[in-house]
PDB file of N, CA and C in Angstrom:
ATOM      1  N   MET A   1      12.899  -0.954   9.259  1.00  0.00           N
ATOM      2  CA  MET A   1      12.420   0.059   8.351  1.00  0.00           C
ATOM      3  C   MET A   1      11.541  -0.612   7.304  1.00  0.00           C
ATOM      4  N   LEU A   2      10.451   0.034   6.970  1.00  0.00           N
ATOM      5  CA  LEU A   2       9.566  -0.423   5.905  1.00  0.00           C
ATOM      6  C   LEU A   2       9.650   0.594   4.777  1.00  0.00           C
ATOM      7  N   VAL A   3      10.004   0.131   3.582  1.00  0.00           N
ATOM      8  CA  VAL A   3      10.100   1.004   2.414  1.00  0.00           C
ATOM      9  C   VAL A   3       9.191   0.454   1.328  1.00  0.00           C
ATOM     10  N   ILE A   4       8.315   1.299   0.813  1.00  0.00           N
ATOM     11  CA  ILE A   4       7.414   0.950  -0.284  1.00  0.00           C
ATOM     12  C   ILE A   4       7.712   1.915  -1.425  1.00  0.00           C
ATOM     13  N   LYS A   5       7.922   1.366  -2.628  1.00  0.00           N
ATOM     14  CA  LYS A   5       8.258   2.195  -3.787  1.00  0.00           C
ATOM     15  C   LYS A   5       7.315   1.907  -4.948  1.00  0.00           C
ATOM     16  N   ASN A   6       6.617   2.935  -5.394  1.00  0.00           N
ATOM     17  CA  ASN A   6       5.758   2.883  -6.586  1.00  0.00           C
ATOM     18  C   ASN A   6       4.797   1.698  -6.593  1.00  0.00           C
ATOM     19  N   LEU A   7       4.148   1.459  -5.472  1.00  0.00           N
ATOM     20  CA  LEU A   7       3.231   0.332  -5.330  1.00  0.00           C
ATOM     21  C   LEU A   7       1.949   0.615  -6.104  1.00  0.00           C
ATOM     22  N   GLU A   8       1.536  -0.362  -6.919  1.00  0.00           N
ATOM     23  CA  GLU A   8       0.310  -0.231  -7.699  1.00  0.00           C
ATOM     24  C   GLU A   8      -0.499  -1.518  -7.620  1.00  0.00           C
ATOM     25  N   LYS A   9      -1.823  -1.349  -7.524  1.00  0.00           N
ATOM     26  CA  LYS A   9      -2.737  -2.490  -7.506  1.00  0.00           C
ATOM     27  C   LYS A   9      -4.070  -2.047  -8.083  1.00  0.00           C
ATOM     28  N   SER A  10      -4.576  -2.830  -9.011  1.00  0.00           N
ATOM     29  CA  SER A  10      -5.877  -2.554  -9.620  1.00  0.00           C
ATOM     30  C   SER A  10      -6.793  -3.748  -9.434  1.00  0.00           C
ATOM     31  N   TYR A  11      -8.067  -3.456  -9.339  1.00  0.00           N
ATOM     32  CA  TYR A  11      -9.114  -4.475  -9.331  1.00  0.00           C
ATOM     33  C   TYR A  11      -9.974  -4.178 -10.551  1.00  0.00           C
ATOM     34  N   GLY A  12      -9.697  -4.839 -11.657  1.00  0.00           N
ATOM     35  CA  GLY A  12     -10.379  -4.501 -12.903  1.00  0.00           C
ATOM     36  C   GLY A  12      -9.974  -3.097 -13.327  1.00  0.00           C
ATOM     37  N   LYS A  13     -10.953  -2.223 -13.549  1.00  0.00           N
ATOM     38  CA  LYS A  13     -10.669  -0.837 -13.937  1.00  0.00           C
ATOM     39  C   LYS A  13     -10.417   0.066 -12.734  1.00  0.00           C
ATOM     40  N   PHE A  14     -10.719  -0.424 -11.522  1.00  0.00           N
ATOM     41  CA  PHE A  14     -10.543   0.384 -10.312  1.00  0.00           C
ATOM     42  C   PHE A  14      -9.102   0.298  -9.830  1.00  0.00           C
ATOM     43  N   LYS A  15      -8.426   1.439  -9.759  1.00  0.00           N
ATOM     44  CA  LYS A  15      -7.031   1.492  -9.312  1.00  0.00           C
ATOM     45  C   LYS A  15      -7.024   1.779  -7.815  1.00  0.00           C
ATOM     46  N   ALA A  16      -6.739   0.750  -7.017  1.00  0.00           N
ATOM     47  CA  ALA A  16      -6.733   0.896  -5.557  1.00  0.00           C
ATOM     48  C   ALA A  16      -5.479   1.615  -5.082  1.00  0.00           C
ATOM     49  N   LEU A  17      -4.334   1.339  -5.707  1.00  0.00           N
ATOM     50  CA  LEU A  17      -3.066   1.994  -5.371  1.00  0.00           C
ATOM     51  C   LEU A  17      -2.417   2.470  -6.658  1.00  0.00           C
ATOM     52  N   ASN A  18      -1.955   3.714  -6.658  1.00  0.00           N
ATOM     53  CA  ASN A  18      -1.366   4.294  -7.856  1.00  0.00           C
ATOM     54  C   ASN A  18      -0.042   4.978  -7.515  1.00  0.00           C
ATOM     55  N   GLY A  19       1.038   4.209  -7.509  1.00  0.00           N
ATOM     56  CA  GLY A  19       2.361   4.784  -7.269  1.00  0.00           C
ATOM     57  C   GLY A  19       2.617   5.188  -5.831  1.00  0.00           C
ATOM     58  N   LEU A  20       2.187   4.372  -4.878  1.00  0.00           N
ATOM     59  CA  LEU A  20       2.385   4.678  -3.457  1.00  0.00           C
ATOM     60  C   LEU A  20       3.854   4.558  -3.075  1.00  0.00           C
ATOM     61  N   ASN A  21       4.388   5.597  -2.435  1.00  0.00           N
ATOM     62  CA  ASN A  21       5.742   5.605  -1.886  1.00  0.00           C
ATOM     63  C   ASN A  21       5.637   5.919  -0.402  1.00  0.00           C
ATOM     64  N   LEU A  22       6.361   5.133   0.411  1.00  0.00           N
ATOM     65  CA  LEU A  22       6.252   5.287   1.855  1.00  0.00           C
ATOM     66  C   LEU A  22       7.511   4.759   2.527  1.00  0.00           C
ATOM     67  N   GLU A  23       8.010   5.491   3.522  1.00  0.00           N
ATOM     68  CA  GLU A  23       9.128   5.026   4.345  1.00  0.00           C
ATOM     69  C   GLU A  23       8.745   5.189   5.806  1.00  0.00           C
ATOM     70  N   ILE A  24       8.808   4.096   6.553  1.00  0.00           N
ATOM     71  CA  ILE A  24       8.519   4.127   7.984  1.00  0.00           C
ATOM     72  C   ILE A  24       9.759   3.616   8.703  1.00  0.00           C
ATOM     73  N   GLU A  25      10.327   4.446   9.551  1.00  0.00           N
ATOM     74  CA  GLU A  25      11.540   4.096  10.287  1.00  0.00           C
ATOM     75  C   GLU A  25      11.212   3.168  11.457  1.00  0.00           C
ATOM     76  N   LYS A  26      12.192   2.373  11.868  1.00  0.00           N
ATOM     77  CA  LYS A  26      12.041   1.499  13.028  1.00  0.00           C
ATOM     78  C   LYS A  26      11.669   2.353  14.244  1.00  0.00           C
ATOM     79  N   GLY A  27      10.653   1.920  14.987  1.00  0.00           N
ATOM     80  CA  GLY A  27      10.216   2.628  16.183  1.00  0.00           C
ATOM     81  C   GLY A  27       9.142   3.668  15.933  1.00  0.00           C
ATOM     82  N   GLU A  28       8.883   4.017  14.675  1.00  0.00           N
ATOM     83  CA  GLU A  28       7.830   4.985  14.370  1.00  0.00           C
ATOM     84  C   GLU A  28       6.462   4.328  14.514  1.00  0.00           C
ATOM     85  N   ILE A  29       5.500   5.121  14.880  1.00  0.00           N
ATOM     86  CA  ILE A  29       4.109   4.680  14.930  1.00  0.00           C
ATOM     87  C   ILE A  29       3.402   5.365  13.778  1.00  0.00           C
ATOM     88  N   PHE A  30       2.736   4.580  12.953  1.00  0.00           N
ATOM     89  CA  PHE A  30       2.142   5.093  11.727  1.00  0.00           C
ATOM     90  C   PHE A  30       0.725   4.575  11.610  1.00  0.00           C
ATOM     91  N   GLY A  31      -0.199   5.407  11.173  1.00  0.00           N
ATOM     92  CA  GLY A  31      -1.584   4.994  10.979  1.00  0.00           C
ATOM     93  C   GLY A  31      -2.082   5.376   9.600  1.00  0.00           C
ATOM     94  N   PHE A  32      -2.958   4.565   9.045  1.00  0.00           N
ATOM     95  CA  PHE A  32      -3.593   4.858   7.768  1.00  0.00           C
ATOM     96  C   PHE A  32      -4.995   5.382   8.035  1.00  0.00           C
ATOM     97  N   ILE A  33      -5.289   6.560   7.539  1.00  0.00           N
ATOM     98  CA  ILE A  33      -6.646   7.087   7.605  1.00  0.00           C
ATOM     99  C   ILE A  33      -7.032   7.557   6.212  1.00  0.00           C
ATOM    100  N   GLY A  34      -8.309   7.474   5.908  1.00  0.00           N
ATOM    101  CA  GLY A  34      -8.788   7.914   4.607  1.00  0.00           C
ATOM    102  C   GLY A  34     -10.159   7.336   4.337  1.00  0.00           C
ATOM    103  N   PRO A  35     -10.781   7.804   3.272  1.00  0.00           N
ATOM    104  CA  PRO A  35     -12.132   7.340   2.942  1.00  0.00           C
ATOM    105  C   PRO A  35     -12.128   5.905   2.418  1.00  0.00           C
ATOM    106  N   ASN A  36     -13.319   5.321   2.344  1.00  0.00           N
ATOM    107  CA  ASN A  36     -13.467   3.987   1.760  1.00  0.00           C
ATOM    108  C   ASN A  36     -12.902   3.998   0.342  1.00  0.00           C
ATOM    109  N   GLY A  37     -12.176   2.948  -0.003  1.00  0.00           N
ATOM    110  CA  GLY A  37     -11.626   2.831  -1.348  1.00  0.00           C
ATOM    111  C   GLY A  37     -10.309   3.549  -1.557  1.00  0.00           C
ATOM    112  N   ALA A  38      -9.711   4.068  -0.485  1.00  0.00           N
ATOM    113  CA  ALA A  38      -8.458   4.821  -0.612  1.00  0.00           C
ATOM    114  C   ALA A  38      -7.233   3.916  -0.722  1.00  0.00           C
ATOM    115  N   GLY A  39      -7.364   2.632  -0.409  1.00  0.00           N
ATOM    116  CA  GLY A  39      -6.252   1.698  -0.539  1.00  0.00           C
ATOM    117  C   GLY A  39      -5.592   1.288   0.769  1.00  0.00           C
ATOM    118  N   LYS A  40      -6.207   1.622   1.885  1.00  0.00           N
ATOM    119  CA  LYS A  40      -5.617   1.299   3.198  1.00  0.00           C
ATOM    120  C   LYS A  40      -5.496  -0.207   3.404  1.00  0.00           C
ATOM    121  N   SER A  41      -6.575  -0.922   3.246  1.00  0.00           N
ATOM    122  CA  SER A  41      -6.564  -2.382   3.453  1.00  0.00           C
ATOM    123  C   SER A  41      -5.725  -3.080   2.397  1.00  0.00           C
ATOM    124  N   THR A  42      -5.799  -2.617   1.173  1.00  0.00           N
ATOM    125  CA  THR A  42      -4.994  -3.198   0.099  1.00  0.00           C
ATOM    126  C   THR A  42      -3.512  -3.063   0.413  1.00  0.00           C
ATOM    127  N   THR A  43      -3.096  -1.903   0.892  1.00  0.00           N
ATOM    128  CA  THR A  43      -1.694  -1.687   1.259  1.00  0.00           C
ATOM    129  C   THR A  43      -1.265  -2.661   2.343  1.00  0.00           C
ATOM    130  N   MET A  44      -2.068  -2.806   3.384  1.00  0.00           N
ATOM    131  CA  MET A  44      -1.712  -3.697   4.486  1.00  0.00           C
ATOM    132  C   MET A  44      -1.686  -5.159   4.043  1.00  0.00           C
ATOM    133  N   LYS A  45      -2.583  -5.550   3.155  1.00  0.00           N
ATOM    134  CA  LYS A  45      -2.587  -6.927   2.645  1.00  0.00           C
ATOM    135  C   LYS A  45      -1.334  -7.206   1.824  1.00  0.00           C
ATOM    136  N   ILE A  46      -0.886  -6.235   1.046  1.00  0.00           N
ATOM    137  CA  ILE A  46       0.342  -6.406   0.261  1.00  0.00           C
ATOM    138  C   ILE A  46       1.554  -6.467   1.180  1.00  0.00           C
ATOM    139  N   VAL A  47       1.631  -5.569   2.153  1.00  0.00           N
ATOM    140  CA  VAL A  47       2.761  -5.544   3.091  1.00  0.00           C
ATOM    141  C   VAL A  47       2.854  -6.855   3.869  1.00  0.00           C
ATOM    142  N   SER A  48       1.709  -7.424   4.239  1.00  0.00           N
ATOM    143  CA  SER A  48       1.706  -8.663   5.027  1.00  0.00           C
ATOM    144  C   SER A  48       1.839  -9.924   4.172  1.00  0.00           C
ATOM    145  N   GLY A  49       1.866  -9.776   2.849  1.00  0.00           N
ATOM    146  CA  GLY A  49       2.054 -10.919   1.967  1.00  0.00           C
ATOM    147  C   GLY A  49       0.790 -11.658   1.592  1.00  0.00           C
ATOM    148  N   LEU A  50      -0.362 -11.129   1.945  1.00  0.00           N
ATOM    149  CA  LEU A  50      -1.629 -11.780   1.618  1.00  0.00           C
ATOM    150  C   LEU A  50      -2.098 -11.484   0.200  1.00  0.00           C
ATOM    151  N   LEU A  51      -1.517 -10.465  -0.423  1.00  0.00           N
ATOM    152  CA  LEU A  51      -1.927 -10.016  -1.749  1.00  0.00           C
ATOM    153  C   LEU A  51      -0.681  -9.592  -2.510  1.00  0.00           C
ATOM    154  N   SER A  52      -0.648  -9.861  -3.795  1.00  0.00           N
ATOM    155  CA  SER A  52       0.496  -9.456  -4.617  1.00  0.00           C
ATOM    156  C   SER A  52       0.191  -8.140  -5.323  1.00  0.00           C
ATOM    157  N   PRO A  53       1.169  -7.236  -5.382  1.00  0.00           N
ATOM    158  CA  PRO A  53       0.960  -5.978  -6.107  1.00  0.00           C
ATOM    159  C   PRO A  53       1.040  -6.212  -7.615  1.00  0.00           C
ATOM    160  N   ASP A  54       0.463  -5.297  -8.386  1.00  0.00           N
ATOM    161  CA  ASP A  54       0.615  -5.347  -9.841  1.00  0.00           C
ATOM    162  C   ASP A  54       2.020  -4.894 -10.228  1.00  0.00           C
ATOM    163  N   SER A  55       2.554  -3.913  -9.492  1.00  0.00           N
ATOM    164  CA  SER A  55       3.925  -3.456  -9.704  1.00  0.00           C
ATOM    165  C   SER A  55       4.398  -2.723  -8.461  1.00  0.00           C
ATOM    166  N   GLY A  56       5.688  -2.467  -8.412  1.00  0.00           N
ATOM    167  CA  GLY A  56       6.283  -1.788  -7.267  1.00  0.00           C
ATOM    168  C   GLY A  56       6.993  -2.773  -6.360  1.00  0.00           C
ATOM    169  N   GLU A  57       7.597  -2.208  -5.320  1.00  0.00           N
ATOM    170  CA  GLU A  57       8.321  -3.046  -4.356  1.00  0.00           C
ATOM    171  C   GLU A  57       8.178  -2.497  -2.957  1.00  0.00           C
TER     172      GLU A  57
END
């Protein structure tokens, strides 16, 4: 299971993630879709440990 609680990340004044909450159960297939700048890549970088969040867990 992957649980994300109140994840936040900013790049200067640009807020890439603002209080993201997400639960993905084992065996679920999940995809991120959205416009440029929505925080998809930032979320995956934080989940994989390549980037540290400003806050959240």
